[in-house]
């Protein structure tokens, strides 16, 4: 893995629409300038609810710019699908990391940090820290 490009972000949801909407929101909140590459991998290839190894792999490849890929997921089986792909070793680009973070807030933090030039460790930390966002 080289560090030439920005960290890519993959958003995995059981719903195609949810993944696309969260990606759009995160891009919009990242502000002006160059936004880090973001891809939504939602639902199944036929448009149903679920997760798809094929869609996740394609999304990761599409955002891989050589600086790593942060993958955020919505629910349990999405975690299992990504872990399975990572365990296989050659399905996802080198430097792909599953991030333990809330889906929406973590996605925004990850995209903002990656867009500002943060490396994979910084992107992972920013997304994970979103667990601490207080709404009171």
N, C-alpha and C. Protein backbone atom coordinates (compact mmCIF):
# COMPACT_ATOMS: atom_id res chain seq x y z
N UNK A 1 0.85 -1.18 0.00
CA UNK A 1 0.00 0.00 0.00
C UNK A 1 0.88 1.22 0.00
N UNK A 2 0.72 2.08 -0.97
CA UNK A 2 1.43 3.35 -0.98
C UNK A 2 0.52 4.41 -0.40
N UNK A 3 1.08 5.53 -0.02
CA UNK A 3 0.28 6.59 0.58
C UNK A 3 0.05 7.74 -0.36
N UNK A 4 0.02 7.49 -1.66
CA UNK A 4 -0.06 8.57 -2.63
C UNK A 4 -1.42 9.25 -2.70
N UNK A 5 -2.51 8.51 -2.54
CA UNK A 5 -3.84 9.07 -2.70
C UNK A 5 -4.51 9.27 -1.36
N UNK A 6 -5.78 9.60 -1.41
CA UNK A 6 -6.57 9.74 -0.20
C UNK A 6 -7.09 8.38 0.23
N UNK A 7 -7.41 8.28 1.51
CA UNK A 7 -8.06 7.08 2.01
C UNK A 7 -9.44 7.00 1.38
N UNK A 8 -9.81 5.82 0.91
CA UNK A 8 -11.14 5.60 0.36
C UNK A 8 -12.08 5.12 1.44
N UNK A 9 -13.36 5.42 1.27
CA UNK A 9 -14.37 5.03 2.25
C UNK A 9 -15.42 4.18 1.56
N UNK A 10 -15.76 3.04 2.17
CA UNK A 10 -16.84 2.18 1.68
C UNK A 10 -17.89 2.11 2.77
N UNK A 11 -19.14 2.36 2.39
CA UNK A 11 -20.26 2.33 3.32
C UNK A 11 -21.14 1.14 2.98
N UNK A 12 -21.20 0.17 3.88
CA UNK A 12 -21.93 -1.07 3.66
C UNK A 12 -23.20 -1.05 4.50
N UNK A 13 -24.34 -1.11 3.83
CA UNK A 13 -25.62 -1.17 4.50
C UNK A 13 -26.43 -2.31 3.91
N UNK A 14 -27.41 -2.75 4.65
CA UNK A 14 -28.32 -3.77 4.15
C UNK A 14 -29.28 -3.21 3.10
N UNK A 15 -29.30 -1.91 2.96
CA UNK A 15 -30.19 -1.24 2.02
C UNK A 15 -29.37 -0.40 1.04
N UNK A 16 -29.62 -0.59 -0.24
CA UNK A 16 -28.95 0.20 -1.27
C UNK A 16 -29.22 1.68 -1.05
N UNK A 17 -30.48 2.02 -0.74
CA UNK A 17 -30.86 3.42 -0.57
C UNK A 17 -30.20 4.05 0.64
N UNK A 18 -30.11 3.31 1.73
CA UNK A 18 -29.47 3.84 2.94
C UNK A 18 -27.99 4.09 2.69
N UNK A 19 -27.30 3.15 2.09
CA UNK A 19 -25.88 3.33 1.81
C UNK A 19 -25.64 4.53 0.91
N UNK A 20 -26.45 4.68 -0.13
CA UNK A 20 -26.30 5.81 -1.05
C UNK A 20 -26.59 7.14 -0.36
N UNK A 21 -27.62 7.17 0.49
CA UNK A 21 -27.99 8.41 1.17
C UNK A 21 -26.92 8.83 2.18
N UNK A 22 -26.36 7.88 2.92
CA UNK A 22 -25.32 8.20 3.88
C UNK A 22 -24.07 8.68 3.14
N UNK A 23 -23.74 8.06 2.03
CA UNK A 23 -22.60 8.51 1.22
C UNK A 23 -22.82 9.95 0.74
N UNK A 24 -24.02 10.24 0.25
CA UNK A 24 -24.32 11.58 -0.23
C UNK A 24 -24.23 12.61 0.90
N UNK A 25 -24.77 12.28 2.06
CA UNK A 25 -24.72 13.18 3.21
C UNK A 25 -23.28 13.42 3.64
N UNK A 26 -22.50 12.37 3.76
CA UNK A 26 -21.11 12.51 4.19
C UNK A 26 -20.31 13.37 3.21
N UNK A 27 -20.50 13.14 1.92
CA UNK A 27 -19.82 13.98 0.91
C UNK A 27 -20.22 15.44 1.07
N UNK A 28 -21.52 15.67 1.23
CA UNK A 28 -22.01 17.04 1.35
C UNK A 28 -21.49 17.75 2.57
N UNK A 29 -21.37 17.04 3.69
CA UNK A 29 -20.89 17.65 4.92
C UNK A 29 -19.38 17.78 4.96
N UNK A 30 -18.68 17.14 4.05
CA UNK A 30 -17.22 17.26 3.99
C UNK A 30 -16.80 18.62 3.47
N UNK A 31 -17.75 19.36 2.92
CA UNK A 31 -17.45 20.71 2.47
C UNK A 31 -16.86 20.76 1.07
N UNK A 32 -16.32 21.89 0.75
CA UNK A 32 -15.76 22.13 -0.58
C UNK A 32 -14.44 21.44 -0.77
N UNK A 33 -13.86 21.67 -1.90
CA UNK A 33 -12.57 21.07 -2.22
C UNK A 33 -12.71 19.65 -2.69
N UNK A 34 -11.61 18.95 -2.66
CA UNK A 34 -11.58 17.57 -3.10
C UNK A 34 -12.08 16.66 -2.00
N UNK A 35 -13.13 15.92 -2.29
CA UNK A 35 -13.68 14.99 -1.32
C UNK A 35 -13.05 13.62 -1.54
N UNK A 36 -12.74 12.96 -0.44
CA UNK A 36 -12.20 11.61 -0.52
C UNK A 36 -13.16 10.71 -1.29
N UNK A 37 -12.62 9.69 -1.96
CA UNK A 37 -13.50 8.77 -2.68
C UNK A 37 -14.38 7.97 -1.73
N UNK A 38 -15.67 7.95 -2.02
CA UNK A 38 -16.65 7.25 -1.20
C UNK A 38 -17.50 6.37 -2.11
N UNK A 39 -17.74 5.13 -1.69
CA UNK A 39 -18.61 4.24 -2.45
C UNK A 39 -19.60 3.57 -1.52
N UNK A 40 -20.81 3.47 -1.99
CA UNK A 40 -21.87 2.78 -1.26
C UNK A 40 -21.96 1.34 -1.75
N UNK A 41 -22.08 0.41 -0.81
CA UNK A 41 -22.26 -1.00 -1.14
C UNK A 41 -23.46 -1.48 -0.35
N UNK A 42 -24.63 -1.17 -0.85
CA UNK A 42 -25.84 -1.50 -0.11
C UNK A 42 -26.69 -2.54 -0.78
N UNK A 43 -27.27 -3.39 0.03
CA UNK A 43 -28.20 -4.38 -0.47
C UNK A 43 -27.53 -5.50 -1.23
N UNK A 44 -28.36 -6.21 -1.98
CA UNK A 44 -27.89 -7.34 -2.78
C UNK A 44 -27.86 -6.93 -4.25
N UNK A 45 -27.18 -7.69 -5.09
CA UNK A 45 -27.10 -7.32 -6.50
C UNK A 45 -28.46 -7.17 -7.19
N UNK A 46 -29.48 -7.90 -6.70
CA UNK A 46 -30.80 -7.80 -7.33
C UNK A 46 -31.66 -6.70 -6.71
N UNK A 47 -31.05 -5.89 -5.81
CA UNK A 47 -31.78 -4.77 -5.22
C UNK A 47 -32.47 -5.07 -3.91
N UNK A 48 -32.34 -6.29 -3.42
CA UNK A 48 -32.98 -6.66 -2.16
C UNK A 48 -32.19 -6.21 -0.95
N UNK A 49 -32.76 -6.48 0.21
CA UNK A 49 -32.08 -6.18 1.46
C UNK A 49 -31.07 -7.27 1.77
N UNK A 50 -29.92 -6.87 2.28
CA UNK A 50 -28.87 -7.81 2.62
C UNK A 50 -27.52 -7.21 2.32
N UNK A 51 -26.50 -8.05 2.34
CA UNK A 51 -25.16 -7.59 1.98
C UNK A 51 -24.60 -8.52 0.91
N UNK A 52 -23.66 -7.98 0.14
CA UNK A 52 -23.11 -8.72 -0.98
C UNK A 52 -21.59 -8.58 -1.01
N UNK A 53 -20.91 -9.71 -0.92
CA UNK A 53 -19.44 -9.70 -1.04
C UNK A 53 -19.01 -9.06 -2.34
N UNK A 54 -19.72 -9.37 -3.40
CA UNK A 54 -19.39 -8.83 -4.72
C UNK A 54 -19.49 -7.30 -4.74
N UNK A 55 -20.56 -6.75 -4.20
CA UNK A 55 -20.73 -5.30 -4.19
C UNK A 55 -19.71 -4.62 -3.29
N UNK A 56 -19.38 -5.24 -2.17
CA UNK A 56 -18.39 -4.67 -1.26
C UNK A 56 -17.02 -4.66 -1.92
N UNK A 57 -16.66 -5.76 -2.56
CA UNK A 57 -15.37 -5.86 -3.24
C UNK A 57 -15.25 -4.81 -4.35
N UNK A 58 -16.30 -4.71 -5.15
CA UNK A 58 -16.29 -3.71 -6.23
C UNK A 58 -16.17 -2.29 -5.69
N UNK A 59 -16.90 -2.00 -4.61
CA UNK A 59 -16.85 -0.66 -4.01
C UNK A 59 -15.45 -0.36 -3.49
N UNK A 60 -14.84 -1.32 -2.80
CA UNK A 60 -13.49 -1.11 -2.26
C UNK A 60 -12.49 -0.86 -3.37
N UNK A 61 -12.58 -1.64 -4.43
CA UNK A 61 -11.67 -1.44 -5.56
C UNK A 61 -11.86 -0.06 -6.19
N UNK A 62 -13.10 0.41 -6.23
CA UNK A 62 -13.38 1.69 -6.89
C UNK A 62 -12.85 2.89 -6.11
N UNK A 63 -12.65 2.76 -4.80
CA UNK A 63 -12.17 3.90 -4.00
C UNK A 63 -10.71 3.77 -3.59
N UNK A 64 -10.07 2.68 -3.96
CA UNK A 64 -8.69 2.44 -3.57
C UNK A 64 -7.75 3.34 -4.36
N UNK A 65 -7.14 4.30 -3.65
CA UNK A 65 -6.20 5.22 -4.28
C UNK A 65 -4.79 5.01 -3.73
N UNK A 66 -4.58 3.91 -3.02
CA UNK A 66 -3.25 3.58 -2.54
C UNK A 66 -2.98 3.97 -1.10
N UNK A 67 -3.92 4.61 -0.42
CA UNK A 67 -3.70 5.04 0.97
C UNK A 67 -4.52 4.23 1.97
N UNK A 68 -5.19 3.21 1.49
CA UNK A 68 -6.02 2.38 2.36
C UNK A 68 -7.49 2.64 2.12
N UNK A 69 -8.29 1.71 2.61
CA UNK A 69 -9.74 1.79 2.46
C UNK A 69 -10.36 1.52 3.83
N UNK A 70 -11.19 2.46 4.29
CA UNK A 70 -11.93 2.29 5.54
C UNK A 70 -13.33 1.82 5.19
N UNK A 71 -13.76 0.72 5.82
CA UNK A 71 -15.09 0.16 5.56
C UNK A 71 -15.92 0.33 6.82
N UNK A 72 -17.07 1.01 6.67
CA UNK A 72 -18.02 1.17 7.77
C UNK A 72 -19.27 0.40 7.41
N UNK A 73 -19.86 -0.24 8.41
CA UNK A 73 -21.01 -1.11 8.18
C UNK A 73 -22.16 -0.74 9.11
N UNK A 74 -23.38 -1.15 8.71
CA UNK A 74 -24.54 -0.80 9.52
C UNK A 74 -24.90 -1.86 10.57
N UNK A 75 -25.02 -3.10 10.22
CA UNK A 75 -25.52 -4.13 11.14
C UNK A 75 -24.66 -5.39 11.10
N UNK A 76 -24.96 -6.30 12.03
CA UNK A 76 -24.17 -7.49 12.28
C UNK A 76 -23.72 -8.32 11.10
N UNK A 77 -24.62 -8.71 10.22
CA UNK A 77 -24.19 -9.58 9.13
C UNK A 77 -23.29 -8.85 8.14
N UNK A 78 -23.39 -7.54 8.07
CA UNK A 78 -22.46 -6.78 7.24
C UNK A 78 -21.05 -6.88 7.82
N UNK A 79 -20.94 -6.87 9.14
CA UNK A 79 -19.65 -7.06 9.80
C UNK A 79 -19.08 -8.42 9.42
N UNK A 80 -19.90 -9.45 9.51
CA UNK A 80 -19.44 -10.80 9.19
C UNK A 80 -19.00 -10.92 7.74
N UNK A 81 -19.72 -10.28 6.83
CA UNK A 81 -19.36 -10.34 5.41
C UNK A 81 -18.01 -9.68 5.18
N UNK A 82 -17.79 -8.51 5.76
CA UNK A 82 -16.51 -7.81 5.58
C UNK A 82 -15.39 -8.60 6.25
N UNK A 83 -15.62 -9.12 7.45
CA UNK A 83 -14.59 -9.92 8.12
C UNK A 83 -14.21 -11.13 7.28
N UNK A 84 -15.19 -11.75 6.66
CA UNK A 84 -14.92 -12.91 5.80
C UNK A 84 -14.05 -12.51 4.61
N UNK A 85 -14.38 -11.38 3.99
CA UNK A 85 -13.58 -10.90 2.87
C UNK A 85 -12.15 -10.58 3.30
N UNK A 86 -12.00 -9.96 4.47
CA UNK A 86 -10.66 -9.64 4.97
C UNK A 86 -9.87 -10.90 5.27
N UNK A 87 -10.54 -11.93 5.80
CA UNK A 87 -9.87 -13.19 6.14
C UNK A 87 -9.37 -13.92 4.91
N UNK A 88 -10.09 -13.75 3.80
CA UNK A 88 -9.68 -14.42 2.56
C UNK A 88 -8.37 -13.84 2.03
N UNK A 89 -8.08 -12.60 2.40
CA UNK A 89 -6.78 -12.02 2.12
C UNK A 89 -6.59 -11.37 0.77
N UNK A 90 -7.28 -11.83 -0.25
CA UNK A 90 -7.03 -11.28 -1.58
C UNK A 90 -8.29 -10.70 -2.22
N UNK A 91 -9.37 -10.62 -1.48
CA UNK A 91 -10.63 -10.13 -2.04
C UNK A 91 -10.72 -8.61 -2.01
N UNK A 92 -10.11 -7.99 -1.01
CA UNK A 92 -10.18 -6.54 -0.86
C UNK A 92 -8.79 -5.95 -1.07
N UNK A 93 -8.72 -4.68 -1.48
CA UNK A 93 -7.41 -4.06 -1.69
C UNK A 93 -6.55 -4.09 -0.43
N UNK A 94 -5.24 -4.14 -0.62
CA UNK A 94 -4.32 -4.08 0.50
C UNK A 94 -4.59 -2.81 1.29
N UNK A 95 -4.56 -2.91 2.60
CA UNK A 95 -4.80 -1.74 3.43
C UNK A 95 -6.27 -1.47 3.70
N UNK A 96 -7.13 -2.46 3.46
CA UNK A 96 -8.54 -2.29 3.77
C UNK A 96 -8.76 -2.63 5.24
N UNK A 97 -9.53 -1.78 5.91
CA UNK A 97 -9.75 -1.95 7.34
C UNK A 97 -11.24 -1.81 7.66
N UNK A 98 -11.76 -2.74 8.44
CA UNK A 98 -13.11 -2.63 8.98
C UNK A 98 -13.04 -1.70 10.18
N UNK A 99 -13.90 -0.67 10.18
CA UNK A 99 -13.86 0.35 11.22
C UNK A 99 -15.04 0.16 12.18
N UNK A 100 -14.74 0.08 13.47
CA UNK A 100 -15.77 -0.02 14.49
C UNK A 100 -16.24 1.40 14.80
N UNK A 101 -17.37 1.77 14.20
CA UNK A 101 -17.89 3.14 14.34
C UNK A 101 -19.38 3.15 14.07
N UNK A 102 -20.09 4.14 14.62
CA UNK A 102 -21.51 4.28 14.26
C UNK A 102 -21.59 4.60 12.76
N UNK A 103 -22.60 4.06 12.12
CA UNK A 103 -22.65 4.14 10.65
C UNK A 103 -22.73 5.57 10.12
N UNK A 104 -23.71 6.32 10.53
CA UNK A 104 -23.89 7.67 9.98
C UNK A 104 -22.83 8.64 10.49
N UNK A 105 -22.72 8.79 11.79
CA UNK A 105 -21.76 9.74 12.34
C UNK A 105 -20.33 9.35 11.98
N UNK A 106 -20.05 8.06 12.02
CA UNK A 106 -18.72 7.58 11.66
C UNK A 106 -18.40 7.84 10.20
N UNK A 107 -19.38 7.67 9.34
CA UNK A 107 -19.16 7.92 7.91
C UNK A 107 -18.82 9.39 7.67
N UNK A 108 -19.55 10.29 8.31
CA UNK A 108 -19.27 11.71 8.15
C UNK A 108 -17.87 12.03 8.65
N UNK A 109 -17.52 11.55 9.84
CA UNK A 109 -16.19 11.81 10.39
C UNK A 109 -15.10 11.24 9.50
N UNK A 110 -15.32 10.04 8.99
CA UNK A 110 -14.32 9.41 8.12
C UNK A 110 -14.12 10.19 6.83
N UNK A 111 -15.20 10.59 6.20
CA UNK A 111 -15.08 11.31 4.93
C UNK A 111 -14.46 12.69 5.14
N UNK A 112 -14.85 13.38 6.20
CA UNK A 112 -14.26 14.70 6.49
C UNK A 112 -12.76 14.55 6.73
N UNK A 113 -12.37 13.56 7.53
CA UNK A 113 -10.95 13.37 7.86
C UNK A 113 -10.15 12.94 6.64
N UNK A 114 -10.67 12.01 5.87
CA UNK A 114 -9.97 11.56 4.66
C UNK A 114 -9.86 12.71 3.65
N UNK A 115 -10.92 13.50 3.53
CA UNK A 115 -10.90 14.62 2.58
C UNK A 115 -9.88 15.68 2.98
N UNK A 116 -9.60 15.78 4.29
CA UNK A 116 -8.61 16.73 4.78
C UNK A 116 -7.18 16.17 4.67
N UNK A 117 -7.06 14.95 4.16
CA UNK A 117 -5.74 14.36 3.96
C UNK A 117 -5.29 13.42 5.05
N UNK A 118 -6.19 13.09 5.98
CA UNK A 118 -5.83 12.16 7.05
C UNK A 118 -5.48 10.79 6.53
N UNK A 119 -4.54 10.13 7.19
CA UNK A 119 -4.17 8.78 6.79
C UNK A 119 -5.18 7.78 7.36
N UNK A 120 -4.98 6.50 7.08
CA UNK A 120 -5.94 5.48 7.48
C UNK A 120 -6.11 5.43 9.00
N UNK A 121 -5.04 5.60 9.75
CA UNK A 121 -5.16 5.60 11.21
C UNK A 121 -6.01 6.79 11.68
N UNK A 122 -5.80 7.96 11.11
CA UNK A 122 -6.57 9.14 11.50
C UNK A 122 -8.04 8.99 11.12
N UNK A 123 -8.30 8.43 9.95
CA UNK A 123 -9.67 8.22 9.49
C UNK A 123 -10.38 7.23 10.42
N UNK A 124 -9.70 6.15 10.75
CA UNK A 124 -10.25 5.14 11.66
C UNK A 124 -10.54 5.74 13.02
N UNK A 125 -9.61 6.51 13.55
CA UNK A 125 -9.79 7.13 14.87
C UNK A 125 -10.95 8.11 14.86
N UNK A 126 -11.03 8.94 13.83
CA UNK A 126 -12.12 9.93 13.77
C UNK A 126 -13.47 9.25 13.71
N UNK A 127 -13.58 8.22 12.89
CA UNK A 127 -14.85 7.50 12.78
C UNK A 127 -15.21 6.83 14.10
N UNK A 128 -14.24 6.19 14.73
CA UNK A 128 -14.49 5.49 16.00
C UNK A 128 -14.87 6.46 17.12
N UNK A 129 -14.26 7.64 17.11
CA UNK A 129 -14.56 8.64 18.13
C UNK A 129 -16.00 9.14 18.03
N UNK A 130 -16.66 8.90 16.91
CA UNK A 130 -18.05 9.33 16.76
C UNK A 130 -18.96 8.63 17.75
N UNK A 131 -18.52 7.52 18.34
CA UNK A 131 -19.33 6.87 19.39
C UNK A 131 -19.54 7.83 20.57
N UNK A 132 -18.62 8.76 20.75
CA UNK A 132 -18.70 9.66 21.89
C UNK A 132 -19.50 10.93 21.64
N UNK A 133 -20.02 11.13 20.43
CA UNK A 133 -20.79 12.34 20.16
C UNK A 133 -22.04 12.37 21.04
N UNK A 134 -22.19 13.42 21.77
CA UNK A 134 -23.34 13.58 22.65
C UNK A 134 -24.41 14.41 21.93
N UNK A 135 -25.64 14.08 22.13
CA UNK A 135 -26.73 14.78 21.46
C UNK A 135 -27.66 15.45 22.46
N UNK A 136 -27.08 15.83 23.59
CA UNK A 136 -27.90 16.50 24.60
C UNK A 136 -27.35 17.86 24.90
